[in-house]
Amino acid sequence: MTLTRRTFFKGAAAAGAAAMLGAEAAGASPWFSPLAPEQAHAAPVEEWKPATCPACHNPICGTQVKVVDGVAVEIKGDPNSPTNQGRLCPRGLSVLGGLYHPYRVKKPLKRTNPEKGLDVDPGWVEISWDEALQITTEKLKACLEKDPRTLFTQTGFGNEDSFKRLIFESAFGTPNGLTTSGPLCADHFGPMCTKGTKVDRADTERCNYLVIMGRSVGDEWGLAHRNTKEYVDSVARGMKIVA
């Protein structure tokens, strides 16, 4: 018998019914027991659990998540974290909103409209994981049979250094890959070519007078650690800024 989602739930329901019938046969009611009133009015179980913020591709901020009866209801920065020291940026604070958002993607999506354009509806439809894997397998097989180099990979923001991605590309035999729009952004491309660092930074924690030319300091520094933390701390201690 093949185990599927449907057969699993059918089996679980049958097992539950059998358990209730067994309890009734033994003279006990599955619905009414001495513990039922206490359980019905039991106080909710609340606990704070340590976690790491997943909201950006540099996930080094420590968090604490409040869980009530198994449901995450609140998130805050972990004051014991050496990186963000209890702070969270707007993205970190909105993690729970994404977790429970009614329009979040929960299944693979397939494009049904081949026409493309800014105002063209791609016609996304939900498909099963089996169908998504089958489509992917067929496409990869076709690339491998023709020439492995016909495969071009592109990973999402935050997976630039994915160990699995590097192994997959090498094993498949293609050198063609692009990580994300990040390598095309001057904020990353410039420092990589000139200084060998992915993101340039200002030494604001030791700065008393900061002159900014050609950019602003604000939304794009939306992290709760490093640049933003040092910038906010420097402003608090009296650093002067000229933009």
C-alpha atoms as a PDB file:
ATOM      1  CA  MET A   1       0.000   0.000   0.000  1.00  0.00           C
ATOM      2  CA  THR A   2       1.328   3.412  -0.961  1.00  0.00           C
ATOM      3  CA  LEU A   3       1.233   5.933   1.867  1.00  0.00           C
ATOM      4  CA  THR A   4      -0.347   9.181   0.772  1.00  0.00           C
ATOM      5  CA  ARG A   5      -1.767  12.169   2.623  1.00  0.00           C
ATOM      6  CA  ARG A   6      -5.294  10.770   2.144  1.00  0.00           C
ATOM      7  CA  THR A   7      -4.483   7.234   3.313  1.00  0.00           C
ATOM      8  CA  PHE A   8      -2.568   8.613   6.301  1.00  0.00           C
ATOM      9  CA  PHE A   9      -5.533  10.637   7.545  1.00  0.00           C
ATOM     10  CA  LYS A  10      -7.952   7.783   6.837  1.00  0.00           C
ATOM     11  CA  GLY A  11      -5.769   5.447   8.878  1.00  0.00           C
ATOM     12  CA  ALA A  12      -5.460   7.980  11.702  1.00  0.00           C
ATOM     13  CA  ALA A  13      -9.242   8.401  11.804  1.00  0.00           C
ATOM     14  CA  ALA A  14      -9.787   4.665  11.914  1.00  0.00           C
ATOM     15  CA  ALA A  15      -7.258   4.279  14.725  1.00  0.00           C
ATOM     16  CA  GLY A  16      -8.960   7.033  16.699  1.00  0.00           C
ATOM     17  CA  ALA A  17     -12.388   5.422  16.283  1.00  0.00           C
ATOM     18  CA  ALA A  18     -11.014   2.074  17.399  1.00  0.00           C
ATOM     19  CA  ALA A  19      -9.483   3.666  20.484  1.00  0.00           C
ATOM     20  CA  MET A  20     -12.804   5.282  21.463  1.00  0.00           C
ATOM     21  CA  LEU A  21     -14.721   2.044  20.989  1.00  0.00           C
ATOM     22  CA  GLY A  22     -12.168   0.252  23.128  1.00  0.00           C
ATOM     23  CA  ALA A  23     -12.555   2.807  25.893  1.00  0.00           C
ATOM     24  CA  GLU A  24     -16.345   2.480  25.860  1.00  0.00           C
ATOM     25  CA  ALA A  25     -16.076  -1.302  25.977  1.00  0.00           C
ATOM     26  CA  ALA A  26     -13.937  -0.987  29.085  1.00  0.00           C
ATOM     27  CA  GLY A  27     -16.621   1.119  30.768  1.00  0.00           C
ATOM     28  CA  ALA A  28     -14.942   4.513  30.284  1.00  0.00           C
ATOM     29  CA  SER A  29     -16.304   7.310  28.161  1.00  0.00           C
ATOM     30  CA  PRO A  30     -13.855   8.830  25.669  1.00  0.00           C
ATOM     31  CA  TRP A  31     -15.705  12.157  25.891  1.00  0.00           C
ATOM     32  CA  PHE A  32     -16.175  12.511  29.633  1.00  0.00           C
ATOM     33  CA  SER A  33     -13.405  11.849  32.109  1.00  0.00           C
ATOM     34  CA  PRO A  34     -12.354  13.313  35.490  1.00  0.00           C
ATOM     35  CA  LEU A  35      -9.657  15.333  33.733  1.00  0.00           C
ATOM     36  CA  ALA A  36     -11.884  16.827  31.033  1.00  0.00           C
ATOM     37  CA  PRO A  37     -13.115  19.921  32.993  1.00  0.00           C
ATOM     38  CA  GLU A  38      -9.582  20.804  34.077  1.00  0.00           C
ATOM     39  CA  GLN A  39      -8.271  20.437  30.537  1.00  0.00           C
ATOM     40  CA  ALA A  40     -11.063  22.562  29.119  1.00  0.00           C
ATOM     41  CA  HIS A  41     -10.231  25.463  31.443  1.00  0.00           C
ATOM     42  CA  ALA A  42      -6.476  24.974  31.552  1.00  0.00           C
ATOM     43  CA  ALA A  43      -4.426  28.150  31.295  1.00  0.00           C
ATOM     44  CA  PRO A  44      -2.646  28.599  27.953  1.00  0.00           C
ATOM     45  CA  VAL A  45       0.937  27.380  27.899  1.00  0.00           C
ATOM     46  CA  GLU A  46       3.241  30.310  27.144  1.00  0.00           C
ATOM     47  CA  GLU A  47       6.981  30.101  26.559  1.00  0.00           C
ATOM     48  CA  TRP A  48       9.733  32.097  24.886  1.00  0.00           C
ATOM     49  CA  LYS A  49      11.933  30.068  22.561  1.00  0.00           C
ATOM     50  CA  PRO A  50      15.335  31.126  21.178  1.00  0.00           C
ATOM     51  CA  ALA A  51      15.641  31.352  17.404  1.00  0.00           C
ATOM     52  CA  THR A  52      17.522  33.047  14.573  1.00  0.00           C
ATOM     53  CA  CYS A  53      15.916  35.658  12.332  1.00  0.00           C
ATOM     54  CA  PRO A  54      15.456  34.351   8.732  1.00  0.00           C
ATOM     55  CA  ALA A  55      14.330  37.661   7.217  1.00  0.00           C
ATOM     56  CA  CYS A  56      17.493  38.504   5.236  1.00  0.00           C
ATOM     57  CA  HIS A  57      20.382  36.720   3.558  1.00  0.00           C
ATOM     58  CA  ASN A  58      22.699  37.534   6.452  1.00  0.00           C
ATOM     59  CA  PRO A  59      20.817  35.705   9.209  1.00  0.00           C
ATOM     60  CA  ILE A  60      22.972  36.375  12.254  1.00  0.00           C
ATOM     61  CA  CYS A  61      20.442  38.161  14.485  1.00  0.00           C
ATOM     62  CA  GLY A  62      19.263  36.264  17.533  1.00  0.00           C
ATOM     63  CA  THR A  63      15.556  36.320  18.328  1.00  0.00           C
ATOM     64  CA  GLN A  64      13.111  35.177  20.958  1.00  0.00           C
ATOM     65  CA  VAL A  65       9.722  33.865  19.845  1.00  0.00           C
ATOM     66  CA  LYS A  66       6.713  33.767  22.140  1.00  0.00           C
ATOM     67  CA  VAL A  67       4.749  30.553  21.653  1.00  0.00           C
ATOM     68  CA  VAL A  68       1.259  30.129  23.132  1.00  0.00           C
ATOM     69  CA  ASP A  69      -0.162  26.611  22.956  1.00  0.00           C
ATOM     70  CA  GLY A  70       2.209  25.796  20.114  1.00  0.00           C
ATOM     71  CA  VAL A  71       1.448  28.939  18.076  1.00  0.00           C
ATOM     72  CA  ALA A  72       4.049  31.677  17.539  1.00  0.00           C
ATOM     73  CA  VAL A  73       2.423  34.995  18.466  1.00  0.00           C
ATOM     74  CA  GLU A  74       5.276  37.453  19.079  1.00  0.00           C
ATOM     75  CA  ILE A  75       8.925  37.960  18.148  1.00  0.00           C
ATOM     76  CA  LYS A  76      11.630  40.186  19.586  1.00  0.00           C
ATOM     77  CA  GLY A  77      15.392  40.541  19.518  1.00  0.00           C
ATOM     78  CA  ASP A  78      17.453  38.405  21.858  1.00  0.00           C
ATOM     79  CA  PRO A  79      19.304  40.690  24.307  1.00  0.00           C
ATOM     80  CA  ASN A  80      21.913  37.952  24.789  1.00  0.00           C
ATOM     81  CA  SER A  81      22.824  37.889  21.087  1.00  0.00           C
ATOM     82  CA  PRO A  82      26.283  39.389  20.471  1.00  0.00           C
ATOM     83  CA  THR A  83      25.273  40.575  16.976  1.00  0.00           C
ATOM     84  CA  ASN A  84      21.988  42.482  17.262  1.00  0.00           C
ATOM     85  CA  GLN A  85      21.977  42.793  21.080  1.00  0.00           C
ATOM     86  CA  GLY A  86      18.202  42.634  21.402  1.00  0.00           C
ATOM     87  CA  ARG A  87      17.369  44.717  18.327  1.00  0.00           C
ATOM     88  CA  LEU A  88      15.394  43.735  15.239  1.00  0.00           C
ATOM     89  CA  CYS A  89      14.875  45.555  11.966  1.00  0.00           C
ATOM     90  CA  PRO A  90      11.394  45.961  10.390  1.00  0.00           C
ATOM     91  CA  ARG A  91      11.876  42.813   8.337  1.00  0.00           C
ATOM     92  CA  GLY A  92      12.725  40.815  11.430  1.00  0.00           C
ATOM     93  CA  LEU A  93       9.705  42.146  13.271  1.00  0.00           C
ATOM     94  CA  SER A  94       7.424  41.175  10.367  1.00  0.00           C
ATOM     95  CA  VAL A  95       8.484  37.518  10.194  1.00  0.00           C
ATOM     96  CA  LEU A  96       5.293  36.303  11.870  1.00  0.00           C
ATOM     97  CA  GLY A  97       3.218  38.247   9.351  1.00  0.00           C
ATOM     98  CA  GLY A  98       4.787  36.255   6.552  1.00  0.00           C
ATOM     99  CA  LEU A  99       4.347  33.007   8.456  1.00  0.00           C
ATOM    100  CA  TYR A 100       0.591  33.406   8.707  1.00  0.00           C
ATOM    101  CA  HIS A 101      -0.097  35.525   5.604  1.00  0.00           C
ATOM    102  CA  PRO A 102      -3.196  34.180   3.816  1.00  0.00           C
ATOM    103  CA  TYR A 103      -1.606  34.650   0.379  1.00  0.00           C
ATOM    104  CA  ARG A 104       1.712  32.979   1.150  1.00  0.00           C
ATOM    105  CA  VAL A 105       2.911  30.388  -1.337  1.00  0.00           C
ATOM    106  CA  LYS A 106       2.244  26.939   0.082  1.00  0.00           C
ATOM    107  CA  LYS A 107       2.497  24.769  -3.047  1.00  0.00           C
ATOM    108  CA  PRO A 108       4.571  24.710  -6.250  1.00  0.00           C
ATOM    109  CA  LEU A 109       3.271  27.101  -8.913  1.00  0.00           C
ATOM    110  CA  LYS A 110       3.228  26.500 -12.667  1.00  0.00           C
ATOM    111  CA  ARG A 111       3.015  29.236 -15.288  1.00  0.00           C
ATOM    112  CA  THR A 112       0.197  28.605 -17.762  1.00  0.00           C
ATOM    113  CA  ASN A 113       0.462  31.756 -19.898  1.00  0.00           C
ATOM    114  CA  PRO A 114       3.528  31.675 -22.206  1.00  0.00           C
ATOM    115  CA  GLU A 115       3.102  35.349 -23.050  1.00  0.00           C
ATOM    116  CA  LYS A 116       5.305  37.643 -20.951  1.00  0.00           C
ATOM    117  CA  GLY A 117       5.182  41.322 -20.118  1.00  0.00           C
ATOM    118  CA  LEU A 118       4.838  43.781 -17.256  1.00  0.00           C
ATOM    119  CA  ASP A 119       1.037  43.870 -17.519  1.00  0.00           C
ATOM    120  CA  VAL A 120       0.548  40.233 -18.529  1.00  0.00           C
ATOM    121  CA  ASP A 121      -0.963  37.796 -16.042  1.00  0.00           C
ATOM    122  CA  PRO A 122       1.382  34.768 -15.937  1.00  0.00           C
ATOM    123  CA  GLY A 123      -1.545  32.540 -15.015  1.00  0.00           C
ATOM    124  CA  TRP A 124       0.051  30.786 -12.069  1.00  0.00           C
ATOM    125  CA  VAL A 125      -1.730  27.628 -10.927  1.00  0.00           C
ATOM    126  CA  GLU A 126      -0.962  25.367  -7.989  1.00  0.00           C
ATOM    127  CA  ILE A 127       0.380  21.918  -8.795  1.00  0.00           C
ATOM    128  CA  SER A 128       1.412  18.959  -6.666  1.00  0.00           C
ATOM    129  CA  TRP A 129       4.971  18.315  -5.554  1.00  0.00           C
ATOM    130  CA  ASP A 130       4.958  15.111  -7.624  1.00  0.00           C
ATOM    131  CA  GLU A 131       4.092  17.075 -10.766  1.00  0.00           C
ATOM    132  CA  ALA A 132       6.699  19.749  -9.998  1.00  0.00           C
ATOM    133  CA  LEU A 133       9.410  17.116  -9.503  1.00  0.00           C
ATOM    134  CA  GLN A 134       8.366  15.309 -12.674  1.00  0.00           C
ATOM    135  CA  ILE A 135       8.593  18.501 -14.762  1.00  0.00           C
ATOM    136  CA  THR A 136      11.972  19.372 -13.253  1.00  0.00           C
ATOM    137  CA  THR A 137      13.324  15.871 -13.837  1.00  0.00           C
ATOM    138  CA  GLU A 138      12.268  15.872 -17.498  1.00  0.00           C
ATOM    139  CA  LYS A 139      13.851  19.280 -18.131  1.00  0.00           C
ATOM    140  CA  LEU A 140      17.110  18.333 -16.435  1.00  0.00           C
ATOM    141  CA  LYS A 141      17.274  15.076 -18.347  1.00  0.00           C
ATOM    142  CA  ALA A 142      16.835  16.913 -21.642  1.00  0.00           C
ATOM    143  CA  CYS A 143      19.670  19.322 -20.776  1.00  0.00           C
ATOM    144  CA  LEU A 144      21.950  16.482 -19.715  1.00  0.00           C
ATOM    145  CA  GLU A 145      21.364  14.513 -22.913  1.00  0.00           C
ATOM    146  CA  LYS A 146      21.970  17.519 -25.170  1.00  0.00           C
ATOM    147  CA  ASP A 147      24.797  19.285 -23.309  1.00  0.00           C
ATOM    148  CA  PRO A 148      25.110  19.848 -19.533  1.00  0.00           C
ATOM    149  CA  ARG A 149      26.175  23.418 -20.272  1.00  0.00           C
ATOM    150  CA  THR A 150      22.689  24.183 -21.596  1.00  0.00           C
ATOM    151  CA  LEU A 151      21.555  24.299 -17.966  1.00  0.00           C
ATOM    152  CA  PHE A 152      21.606  27.750 -16.418  1.00  0.00           C
ATOM    153  CA  THR A 153      20.975  27.985 -12.679  1.00  0.00           C
ATOM    154  CA  GLN A 154      19.788  30.983 -10.727  1.00  0.00           C
ATOM    155  CA  THR A 155      19.248  30.941  -6.986  1.00  0.00           C
ATOM    156  CA  GLY A 156      17.286  33.354  -4.851  1.00  0.00           C
ATOM    157  CA  PHE A 157      18.659  36.117  -2.684  1.00  0.00           C
ATOM    158  CA  GLY A 158      20.595  34.650   0.191  1.00  0.00           C
ATOM    159  CA  ASN A 159      21.782  31.443  -1.477  1.00  0.00           C
ATOM    160  CA  GLU A 160      24.934  32.811  -3.062  1.00  0.00           C
ATOM    161  CA  ASP A 161      27.168  30.469  -1.110  1.00  0.00           C
ATOM    162  CA  SER A 162      24.836  27.492  -0.895  1.00  0.00           C
ATOM    163  CA  PHE A 163      26.905  24.342  -0.457  1.00  0.00           C
ATOM    164  CA  LYS A 164      24.237  22.217  -2.157  1.00  0.00           C
ATOM    165  CA  ARG A 165      24.046  24.529  -5.147  1.00  0.00           C
ATOM    166  CA  LEU A 166      27.795  24.399  -5.717  1.00  0.00           C
ATOM    167  CA  ILE A 167      27.817  20.598  -5.533  1.00  0.00           C
ATOM    168  CA  PHE A 168      24.812  20.306  -7.867  1.00  0.00           C
ATOM    169  CA  GLU A 169      26.288  22.535 -10.569  1.00  0.00           C
ATOM    170  CA  SER A 170      29.632  20.741 -10.475  1.00  0.00           C
ATOM    171  CA  ALA A 171      28.043  17.305 -10.497  1.00  0.00           C
ATOM    172  CA  PHE A 172      25.740  18.237 -13.373  1.00  0.00           C
ATOM    173  CA  GLY A 173      28.588  19.673 -15.407  1.00  0.00           C
ATOM    174  CA  THR A 174      27.489  23.259 -15.995  1.00  0.00           C
ATOM    175  CA  PRO A 175      29.554  26.367 -15.221  1.00  0.00           C
ATOM    176  CA  ASN A 176      26.623  28.662 -15.979  1.00  0.00           C
ATOM    177  CA  GLY A 177      24.904  30.140 -12.966  1.00  0.00           C
ATOM    178  CA  LEU A 178      23.784  33.400 -11.461  1.00  0.00           C
ATOM    179  CA  THR A 179      23.006  33.847  -7.808  1.00  0.00           C
ATOM    180  CA  THR A 180      20.646  36.820  -7.686  1.00  0.00           C
ATOM    181  CA  SER A 181      20.393  40.492  -8.555  1.00  0.00           C
ATOM    182  CA  GLY A 182      22.924  41.119  -5.788  1.00  0.00           C
ATOM    183  CA  PRO A 183      26.028  40.595  -7.986  1.00  0.00           C
ATOM    184  CA  LEU A 184      24.600  43.158 -10.428  1.00  0.00           C
ATOM    185  CA  CYS A 185      24.088  45.749  -7.711  1.00  0.00           C
ATOM    186  CA  ALA A 186      26.757  48.418  -7.307  1.00  0.00           C
ATOM    187  CA  ASP A 187      26.518  48.032  -3.533  1.00  0.00           C
ATOM    188  CA  HIS A 188      28.062  44.561  -3.963  1.00  0.00           C
ATOM    189  CA  PHE A 189      29.818  44.688  -7.325  1.00  0.00           C
ATOM    190  CA  GLY A 190      31.912  47.766  -6.519  1.00  0.00           C
ATOM    191  CA  PRO A 191      33.358  46.549  -3.193  1.00  0.00           C
ATOM    192  CA  MET A 192      33.983  43.080  -4.636  1.00  0.00           C
ATOM    193  CA  CYS A 193      36.056  44.479  -7.539  1.00  0.00           C
ATOM    194  CA  THR A 194      37.963  47.078  -5.532  1.00  0.00           C
ATOM    195  CA  LYS A 195      38.273  45.776  -1.971  1.00  0.00           C
ATOM    196  CA  GLY A 196      37.374  42.101  -2.106  1.00  0.00           C
ATOM    197  CA  THR A 197      34.455  42.520   0.291  1.00  0.00           C
ATOM    198  CA  LYS A 198      30.829  41.839  -0.561  1.00  0.00           C
ATOM    199  CA  VAL A 199      29.463  44.885   1.236  1.00  0.00           C
ATOM    200  CA  ASP A 200      31.431  48.061   1.868  1.00  0.00           C
ATOM    201  CA  ARG A 201      30.974  49.660   5.228  1.00  0.00           C
ATOM    202  CA  ALA A 202      31.686  52.882   7.083  1.00  0.00           C
ATOM    203  CA  ASP A 203      33.663  52.776  10.313  1.00  0.00           C
ATOM    204  CA  THR A 204      30.987  54.764  12.146  1.00  0.00           C
ATOM    205  CA  GLU A 205      31.677  53.377  15.603  1.00  0.00           C
ATOM    206  CA  ARG A 206      34.945  55.368  15.618  1.00  0.00           C
ATOM    207  CA  CYS A 207      33.640  58.323  13.638  1.00  0.00           C
ATOM    208  CA  ASN A 208      32.773  61.759  15.027  1.00  0.00           C
ATOM    209  CA  TYR A 209      31.954  63.587  11.766  1.00  0.00           C
ATOM    210  CA  LEU A 210      30.397  61.647   8.868  1.00  0.00           C
ATOM    211  CA  VAL A 211      30.156  63.174   5.376  1.00  0.00           C
ATOM    212  CA  ILE A 212      27.834  61.249   3.018  1.00  0.00           C
ATOM    213  CA  MET A 213      27.962  61.904  -0.737  1.00  0.00           C
ATOM    214  CA  GLY A 214      25.745  60.349  -3.381  1.00  0.00           C
ATOM    215  CA  ARG A 215      23.612  58.253  -1.099  1.00  0.00           C
ATOM    216  CA  SER A 216      21.500  58.318   2.018  1.00  0.00           C
ATOM    217  CA  VAL A 217      21.594  56.396   5.240  1.00  0.00           C
ATOM    218  CA  GLY A 218      18.214  55.011   6.172  1.00  0.00           C
ATOM    219  CA  ASP A 219      15.972  52.346   4.685  1.00  0.00           C
ATOM    220  CA  GLU A 220      18.724  50.583   2.763  1.00  0.00           C
ATOM    221  CA  TRP A 221      20.612  50.102   6.007  1.00  0.00           C
ATOM    222  CA  GLY A 222      17.714  48.036   7.317  1.00  0.00           C
ATOM    223  CA  LEU A 223      19.631  45.575   9.466  1.00  0.00           C
ATOM    224  CA  ALA A 224      19.654  45.193  13.210  1.00  0.00           C
ATOM    225  CA  HIS A 225      23.387  44.524  13.344  1.00  0.00           C
ATOM    226  CA  ARG A 226      26.700  45.851  12.069  1.00  0.00           C
ATOM    227  CA  ASN A 227      26.248  49.027  10.003  1.00  0.00           C
ATOM    228  CA  THR A 228      22.847  50.014  11.331  1.00  0.00           C
ATOM    229  CA  LYS A 229      23.606  49.178  14.944  1.00  0.00           C
ATOM    230  CA  GLU A 230      26.921  51.027  14.839  1.00  0.00           C
ATOM    231  CA  TYR A 231      25.339  53.995  13.042  1.00  0.00           C
ATOM    232  CA  VAL A 232      22.508  54.337  15.578  1.00  0.00           C
ATOM    233  CA  ASP A 233      24.912  53.986  18.495  1.00  0.00           C
ATOM    234  CA  SER A 234      27.204  56.632  16.987  1.00  0.00           C
ATOM    235  CA  VAL A 235      24.333  59.086  16.513  1.00  0.00           C
ATOM    236  CA  ALA A 236      23.272  58.485  20.117  1.00  0.00           C
ATOM    237  CA  ARG A 237      26.752  59.325  21.399  1.00  0.00           C
ATOM    238  CA  GLY A 238      26.887  62.557  19.352  1.00  0.00           C
ATOM    239  CA  MET A 239      28.314  61.798  15.901  1.00  0.00           C
ATOM    240  CA  LYS A 240      27.583  64.658  13.451  1.00  0.00           C
ATOM    241  CA  ILE A 241      26.284  63.871   9.947  1.00  0.00           C
ATOM    242  CA  VAL A 242      26.415  65.906   6.721  1.00  0.00           C
ATOM    243  CA  ALA A 243      24.619  64.446   3.708  1.00  0.00           C
END
